Amino acid sequence: MEQVDWLSRLLDMVPVTGRAEHRCFFSAPWRLENPSSEPGEIPYHVVLAGSAILEGADGQPSRTLNAGDILLLTRGPAHVLHDGGGGAASPNRQRIGTTITVDENDGHGERLDMLCGRFIFSSAHARLIHDYLPPRLVVNAAEYSAMASRPGARSRLANLVGLMRSESAEENLGGQAMLGALSTVLFTLTMRLASEERDTPTGLLTLAGHPRLSGALSAMLAAPARSWTLPELAQLCSMSRATFVRQFQQNLGRSATELLMDIRMTAAANALRATSNAVAAIGEDVGYQSEAAFQRAFKQHIGLTPAAYRRRAAAEVKSKG
């Protein structure tokens, strides 16, 4: 079997690009209201200095964000950030530059420096993003913390944030492209660090960080067409079938069979959009020997037949061109 790490394989199947769009310099009292994101978008906020209160969003409680915190709201809900003082916010104003838009106000209290942007992916991949990542993801990469000084994902993320901070501080040739590329890396490093944390209750990141179950995740991503059985996956994890089924469900919040189906349908959707291969061949490539069985599974999962999905994808590409 091809050796591949789960995150590289996932991002090969579900490409994500980033955009850094706003640099916020606010002094209390301030308030920033963010509308719901479009399908296929994840808003992110990086607190460079100061602190911010995230009001309850997507059914989650309010949370204080401190310097070094990186926030992703994976389901793109409308959300509000503010200074927490309760005073009437000073009006915000914008300066639109070629690299980034600067948001400021005339407050006189505690200062906030925050970088905001979006991660963008195809709406066809929303299931693997929305259903398998926590609705709110926060990791910390404070540049000068003791933890960030150690080798590893946190130190790399802190260095990346420092580069984004300096790149967004002034107008440079190619600055917008540079920040876009750095934002794309920001998503990958955030996922890497989050998979090493231990406070995510369930989801793909919890599964990936499990010392035994992660083997099943990597195997299914590497070879989705293989006719995996629960005993085979359990054996990869050095567990009994019953223990594997129970622990997989507890850690992911879904069964191994459900995850394998989502991986297969994502791979099939990618092939329908990107190639002219016959539907039967695509079905076989994702583990279906019967075209009829693949047609039924795809329609049940996606809501369209493979042919209808391919036509819609082609029409979307044409409309954008």
Protein backbone atom coordinates (compact mmCIF):
# COMPACT_ATOMS: atom_id res chain seq x y z
CA MET A 1 0.00 0.00 0.00
CA GLU A 2 1.22 3.50 -0.81
CA GLN A 3 2.64 5.21 2.27
CA VAL A 4 1.02 8.62 2.68
CA ASP A 5 0.22 10.75 5.69
CA TRP A 6 -3.48 11.34 6.27
CA LEU A 7 -3.35 15.15 6.05
CA SER A 8 -1.49 15.26 2.74
CA ARG A 9 -3.95 12.75 1.29
CA LEU A 10 -6.95 14.67 2.63
CA LEU A 11 -5.71 17.96 1.18
CA ASP A 12 -5.02 16.23 -2.13
CA MET A 13 -8.68 15.16 -2.18
CA VAL A 14 -10.02 18.41 -0.70
CA PRO A 15 -7.78 21.28 -1.89
CA VAL A 16 -7.97 24.35 0.33
CA THR A 17 -6.63 27.80 -0.56
CA GLY A 18 -6.34 30.82 1.70
CA ARG A 19 -6.83 34.56 1.50
CA ALA A 20 -5.70 37.16 4.01
CA GLU A 21 -8.07 40.12 3.63
CA HIS A 22 -8.12 42.41 6.69
CA ARG A 23 -5.63 43.68 9.26
CA CYS A 24 -7.57 45.10 12.20
CA PHE A 25 -6.11 47.74 14.53
CA PHE A 26 -8.79 48.49 17.13
CA SER A 27 -8.75 50.21 20.50
CA ALA A 28 -11.53 49.61 23.01
CA PRO A 29 -14.41 50.06 22.73
CA TRP A 30 -14.71 48.13 19.44
CA ARG A 31 -17.02 45.58 17.83
CA LEU A 32 -16.65 43.59 14.61
CA GLU A 33 -19.72 41.91 13.11
CA ASN A 34 -19.08 39.20 10.54
CA PRO A 35 -21.86 37.85 8.28
CA SER A 36 -22.34 34.19 7.44
CA SER A 37 -19.78 32.87 4.99
CA GLU A 38 -20.59 31.58 1.54
CA PRO A 39 -20.70 27.79 1.05
CA GLY A 40 -17.16 26.48 0.70
CA GLU A 41 -15.59 29.14 2.92
CA ILE A 42 -14.14 29.09 6.44
CA PRO A 43 -13.43 32.44 8.11
CA TYR A 44 -10.26 32.69 10.18
CA HIS A 45 -8.95 35.24 12.69
CA VAL A 46 -5.39 35.44 14.03
CA VAL A 47 -4.94 37.55 17.18
CA LEU A 48 -1.49 39.12 16.83
CA ALA A 49 -1.68 41.34 19.94
CA GLY A 50 -4.29 42.16 22.56
CA SER A 51 -7.42 40.07 23.11
CA ALA A 52 -10.95 39.66 21.77
CA ILE A 53 -14.21 38.11 22.90
CA LEU A 54 -15.91 35.78 20.45
CA GLU A 55 -19.63 35.86 21.11
CA GLY A 56 -21.45 32.55 21.07
CA ALA A 57 -21.63 31.31 17.48
CA ASP A 58 -22.86 28.06 15.96
CA GLY A 59 -24.25 26.92 19.29
CA GLN A 60 -20.92 27.36 21.09
CA PRO A 61 -20.33 29.47 24.25
CA SER A 62 -18.47 32.77 24.18
CA ARG A 63 -14.69 32.57 24.33
CA THR A 64 -11.77 34.90 25.00
CA LEU A 65 -9.08 34.90 22.31
CA ASN A 66 -5.59 35.99 23.32
CA ALA A 67 -2.41 36.88 21.45
CA GLY A 68 -1.28 33.92 19.35
CA ASP A 69 -4.74 32.35 19.09
CA ILE A 70 -5.85 31.24 15.64
CA LEU A 71 -9.61 30.78 15.26
CA LEU A 72 -11.35 28.82 12.50
CA LEU A 73 -15.15 28.68 12.31
CA THR A 74 -15.46 25.69 10.02
CA ARG A 75 -19.18 26.04 9.28
CA GLY A 76 -18.95 29.76 8.52
CA PRO A 77 -21.62 31.12 10.90
CA ALA A 78 -22.33 34.80 11.43
CA HIS A 79 -20.25 35.84 14.43
CA VAL A 80 -19.28 38.88 16.50
CA LEU A 81 -15.92 39.80 18.02
CA HIS A 82 -15.63 42.65 20.53
CA ASP A 83 -13.46 44.04 23.33
CA GLY A 84 -15.70 42.76 26.12
CA GLY A 85 -16.04 46.08 27.90
CA GLY A 86 -19.72 46.56 27.14
CA GLY A 87 -19.34 50.16 25.95
CA ALA A 88 -20.73 51.57 22.70
CA ALA A 89 -18.25 50.70 19.98
CA SER A 90 -16.24 53.40 18.28
CA PRO A 91 -17.04 53.43 14.52
CA ASN A 92 -14.70 51.44 12.29
CA ARG A 93 -13.14 52.83 9.13
CA GLN A 94 -11.23 51.15 6.33
CA ARG A 95 -8.19 51.83 4.20
CA ILE A 96 -8.17 49.59 1.14
CA GLY A 97 -4.67 48.78 -0.05
CA THR A 98 -3.29 46.62 -2.84
CA THR A 99 -2.12 43.98 -0.37
CA ILE A 100 -4.72 44.07 2.40
CA THR A 101 -7.55 46.20 3.81
CA VAL A 102 -6.75 47.95 7.10
CA ASP A 103 -9.62 48.39 9.59
CA GLU A 104 -9.20 50.99 12.37
CA ASN A 105 -11.19 52.98 14.92
CA ASP A 106 -10.66 55.92 17.30
CA GLY A 107 -10.94 54.10 20.63
CA HIS A 108 -8.48 54.83 23.42
CA GLY A 109 -8.53 51.61 25.45
CA GLU A 110 -6.71 48.31 25.12
CA ARG A 111 -5.44 47.75 21.59
CA LEU A 112 -6.09 44.78 19.35
CA ASP A 113 -4.05 43.73 16.32
CA MET A 114 -5.76 40.97 14.33
CA LEU A 115 -5.39 39.39 10.90
CA CYS A 116 -8.56 38.09 9.25
CA GLY A 117 -9.18 36.05 6.13
CA ARG A 118 -10.84 33.02 4.57
CA PHE A 119 -10.03 29.47 3.62
CA ILE A 120 -11.78 28.46 0.40
CA PHE A 121 -12.67 25.01 -0.91
CA SER A 122 -15.19 23.53 -3.33
CA SER A 123 -18.72 23.25 -1.94
CA ALA A 124 -18.61 19.66 -3.24
CA HIS A 125 -16.14 18.94 -0.44
CA ALA A 126 -18.23 20.51 2.30
CA ARG A 127 -19.20 17.18 3.85
CA LEU A 128 -15.62 16.15 4.67
CA ILE A 129 -14.92 19.62 6.05
CA HIS A 130 -18.12 20.41 7.94
CA ASP A 131 -19.01 16.96 9.26
CA TYR A 132 -15.55 15.87 10.35
CA LEU A 133 -13.99 19.03 11.81
CA PRO A 134 -15.19 20.77 14.99
CA PRO A 135 -17.43 23.83 14.35
CA ARG A 136 -14.94 25.98 16.25
CA LEU A 137 -11.22 25.30 16.17
CA VAL A 138 -8.70 27.33 18.19
CA VAL A 139 -4.96 26.69 18.38
CA ASN A 140 -2.31 28.91 19.92
CA ALA A 141 0.98 29.89 18.30
CA ALA A 142 2.17 32.87 20.31
CA GLU A 143 5.53 33.89 18.86
CA TYR A 144 7.37 34.36 22.14
CA SER A 145 5.81 31.64 24.30
CA ALA A 146 7.93 28.86 25.79
CA MET A 147 5.89 26.24 23.92
CA ALA A 148 6.44 27.97 20.58
CA SER A 149 10.20 27.98 21.14
CA ARG A 150 10.34 24.17 20.97
CA PRO A 151 10.75 22.40 17.62
CA GLY A 152 7.51 21.15 16.07
CA ALA A 153 4.24 22.29 14.54
CA ARG A 154 3.68 25.10 17.08
CA SER A 155 7.05 26.73 16.43
CA ARG A 156 6.57 26.48 12.67
CA LEU A 157 3.11 27.99 12.98
CA ALA A 158 4.45 30.82 15.16
CA ASN A 159 7.12 31.54 12.53
CA LEU A 160 4.50 31.52 9.78
CA VAL A 161 2.25 33.93 11.69
CA GLY A 162 5.24 36.21 12.24
CA LEU A 163 5.91 36.26 8.50
CA MET A 164 2.24 37.01 7.75
CA ARG A 165 2.33 39.79 10.30
CA SER A 166 5.32 41.50 8.70
CA GLU A 167 4.08 40.91 5.13
CA SER A 168 0.69 42.51 5.92
CA ALA A 169 2.25 45.51 7.67
CA GLU A 170 3.21 47.29 4.45
CA GLU A 171 2.58 47.29 0.73
CA ASN A 172 5.08 45.04 -1.06
CA LEU A 173 5.36 43.89 -4.64
CA GLY A 174 3.44 40.62 -4.90
CA GLY A 175 2.16 41.08 -1.35
CA GLN A 176 -1.36 39.86 -2.01
CA ALA A 177 -0.09 36.68 -3.71
CA MET A 178 2.39 36.16 -0.90
CA LEU A 179 -0.27 36.44 1.80
CA GLY A 180 -2.55 34.10 -0.14
CA ALA A 181 0.17 31.45 -0.31
CA LEU A 182 1.00 31.89 3.37
CA SER A 183 -2.70 31.62 4.26
CA THR A 184 -2.91 28.29 2.44
CA VAL A 185 0.02 27.02 4.49
CA LEU A 186 -1.69 28.42 7.60
CA PHE A 187 -4.57 25.96 7.12
CA THR A 188 -2.24 22.98 6.82
CA LEU A 189 -0.13 23.89 9.85
CA THR A 190 -3.23 24.66 11.92
CA MET A 191 -4.60 21.19 11.09
CA ARG A 192 -1.25 19.62 11.94
CA LEU A 193 -1.05 21.34 15.33
CA ALA A 194 -4.72 20.68 16.13
CA SER A 195 -4.23 16.96 15.48
CA GLU A 196 -1.51 16.97 18.17
CA GLU A 197 -3.75 18.67 20.75
CA ARG A 198 -5.82 16.66 23.19
CA ASP A 199 -8.86 18.88 23.82
CA THR A 200 -10.92 18.15 20.67
CA PRO A 201 -13.79 15.93 21.87
CA THR A 202 -14.51 14.11 18.60
CA GLY A 203 -13.79 14.39 14.88
CA LEU A 204 -11.14 13.77 12.28
CA LEU A 205 -8.44 15.57 14.27
CA THR A 206 -9.12 13.44 17.34
CA LEU A 207 -8.99 10.29 15.22
CA ALA A 208 -5.75 11.41 13.56
CA GLY A 209 -4.15 12.03 16.95
CA HIS A 210 -5.10 8.61 18.30
CA PRO A 211 -1.98 6.41 18.55
CA ARG A 212 -3.78 3.33 17.16
CA LEU A 213 -6.89 4.45 15.28
CA SER A 214 -4.94 6.83 13.06
CA GLY A 215 -3.71 3.80 11.11
CA ALA A 216 -7.22 3.04 9.90
CA LEU A 217 -7.71 6.67 8.83
CA SER A 218 -4.48 6.67 6.81
CA ALA A 219 -5.32 3.32 5.22
CA MET A 220 -8.78 4.38 4.05
CA LEU A 221 -7.49 7.66 2.64
CA ALA A 222 -4.60 5.91 0.87
CA ALA A 223 -6.71 3.13 -0.69
CA PRO A 224 -10.41 4.03 -0.73
CA ALA A 225 -11.14 1.51 -3.50
CA ARG A 226 -10.04 -1.43 -1.40
CA SER A 227 -12.86 -3.59 -0.01
CA TRP A 228 -12.06 -2.80 3.59
CA THR A 229 -13.75 -4.92 6.21
CA LEU A 230 -14.08 -4.01 9.88
CA PRO A 231 -11.88 -6.95 10.95
CA GLU A 232 -9.14 -5.78 8.53
CA LEU A 233 -9.26 -2.22 9.85
CA ALA A 234 -9.33 -3.47 13.43
CA GLN A 235 -6.26 -5.60 12.74
CA LEU A 236 -4.40 -2.53 11.40
CA CYS A 237 -5.11 -0.87 14.75
CA SER A 238 -4.20 -3.98 16.81
CA MET A 239 -7.71 -4.14 18.23
CA SER A 240 -10.57 -6.58 18.30
CA ARG A 241 -13.43 -5.82 15.93
CA ALA A 242 -15.77 -4.84 18.77
CA THR A 243 -13.17 -2.55 20.42
CA PHE A 244 -12.32 -0.93 17.08
CA VAL A 245 -15.99 -0.23 16.24
CA ARG A 246 -16.64 1.26 19.68
CA GLN A 247 -13.51 3.42 19.87
CA PHE A 248 -13.78 4.61 16.27
CA GLN A 249 -17.35 5.79 16.87
CA GLN A 250 -16.37 7.46 20.16
CA ASN A 251 -13.41 9.32 18.67
CA LEU A 252 -14.84 10.29 15.29
CA GLY A 253 -18.53 10.60 16.11
CA ARG A 254 -19.24 8.44 13.05
CA SER A 255 -18.55 4.88 12.01
CA ALA A 256 -15.63 3.71 9.88
CA THR A 257 -18.14 2.68 7.20
CA GLU A 258 -19.55 6.22 7.05
CA LEU A 259 -16.10 7.76 6.77
CA LEU A 260 -15.07 5.34 4.02
CA MET A 261 -18.24 6.17 2.09
CA ASP A 262 -17.54 9.92 2.37
CA ILE A 263 -13.95 9.44 1.20
CA ARG A 264 -15.09 7.34 -1.77
CA MET A 265 -17.81 9.77 -2.83
CA THR A 266 -15.41 12.73 -2.55
CA ALA A 267 -12.89 10.92 -4.79
CA ALA A 268 -15.67 10.05 -7.25
CA ALA A 269 -16.95 13.64 -7.36
CA ASN A 270 -13.42 14.88 -8.04
CA ALA A 271 -13.04 12.44 -10.94
CA LEU A 272 -16.43 13.38 -12.42
CA ARG A 273 -15.43 17.05 -12.43
CA ALA A 274 -11.84 16.66 -13.59
CA THR A 275 -11.96 13.80 -16.12
CA SER A 276 -14.07 12.41 -18.95
CA ASN A 277 -13.70 8.85 -17.66
CA ALA A 278 -16.75 6.62 -17.94
CA VAL A 279 -19.00 6.52 -14.89
CA ALA A 280 -18.44 2.77 -14.55
CA ALA A 281 -14.66 3.24 -14.52
CA ILE A 282 -14.89 5.95 -11.87
CA GLY A 283 -17.12 3.72 -9.77
CA GLU A 284 -14.60 0.91 -10.04
CA ASP A 285 -11.78 3.26 -9.06
CA VAL A 286 -13.57 4.02 -5.76
CA GLY A 287 -14.45 0.45 -4.93
CA TYR A 288 -17.64 -0.46 -6.84
CA GLN A 289 -17.58 -3.41 -9.21
CA SER A 290 -21.18 -2.73 -10.23
CA GLU A 291 -22.03 0.50 -12.05
CA ALA A 292 -25.61 0.25 -10.80
CA ALA A 293 -24.44 0.00 -7.18
CA PHE A 294 -22.19 3.03 -7.67
CA GLN A 295 -25.01 5.01 -9.29
CA ARG A 296 -27.31 4.26 -6.34
CA ALA A 297 -24.68 5.09 -3.72
CA PHE A 298 -23.65 8.34 -5.42
CA LYS A 299 -27.21 9.60 -5.81
CA GLN A 300 -28.06 8.71 -2.22
CA HIS A 301 -24.97 10.48 -0.95
CA ILE A 302 -24.75 13.50 -3.26
CA GLY A 303 -28.38 13.91 -4.29
CA LEU A 304 -27.68 13.69 -8.03
CA THR A 305 -26.79 10.90 -10.43
CA PRO A 306 -23.12 10.89 -11.53
CA ALA A 307 -24.13 12.13 -15.01
CA ALA A 308 -26.23 14.98 -13.59
CA TYR A 309 -23.44 15.92 -11.19
CA ARG A 310 -20.92 16.02 -14.05
CA ARG A 311 -23.23 18.24 -16.12
CA ARG A 312 -23.75 20.64 -13.22
CA ALA A 313 -20.02 20.83 -12.51
CA ALA A 314 -19.30 21.56 -16.19
CA ALA A 315 -21.96 24.29 -16.23
CA GLU A 316 -20.42 25.90 -13.12
CA VAL A 317 -16.98 25.92 -14.72
CA LYS A 318 -18.41 27.45 -17.90
CA SER A 319 -20.27 30.16 -15.99
CA LYS A 320 -17.10 31.12 -14.13
CA GLY A 321 -15.12 31.24 -17.36
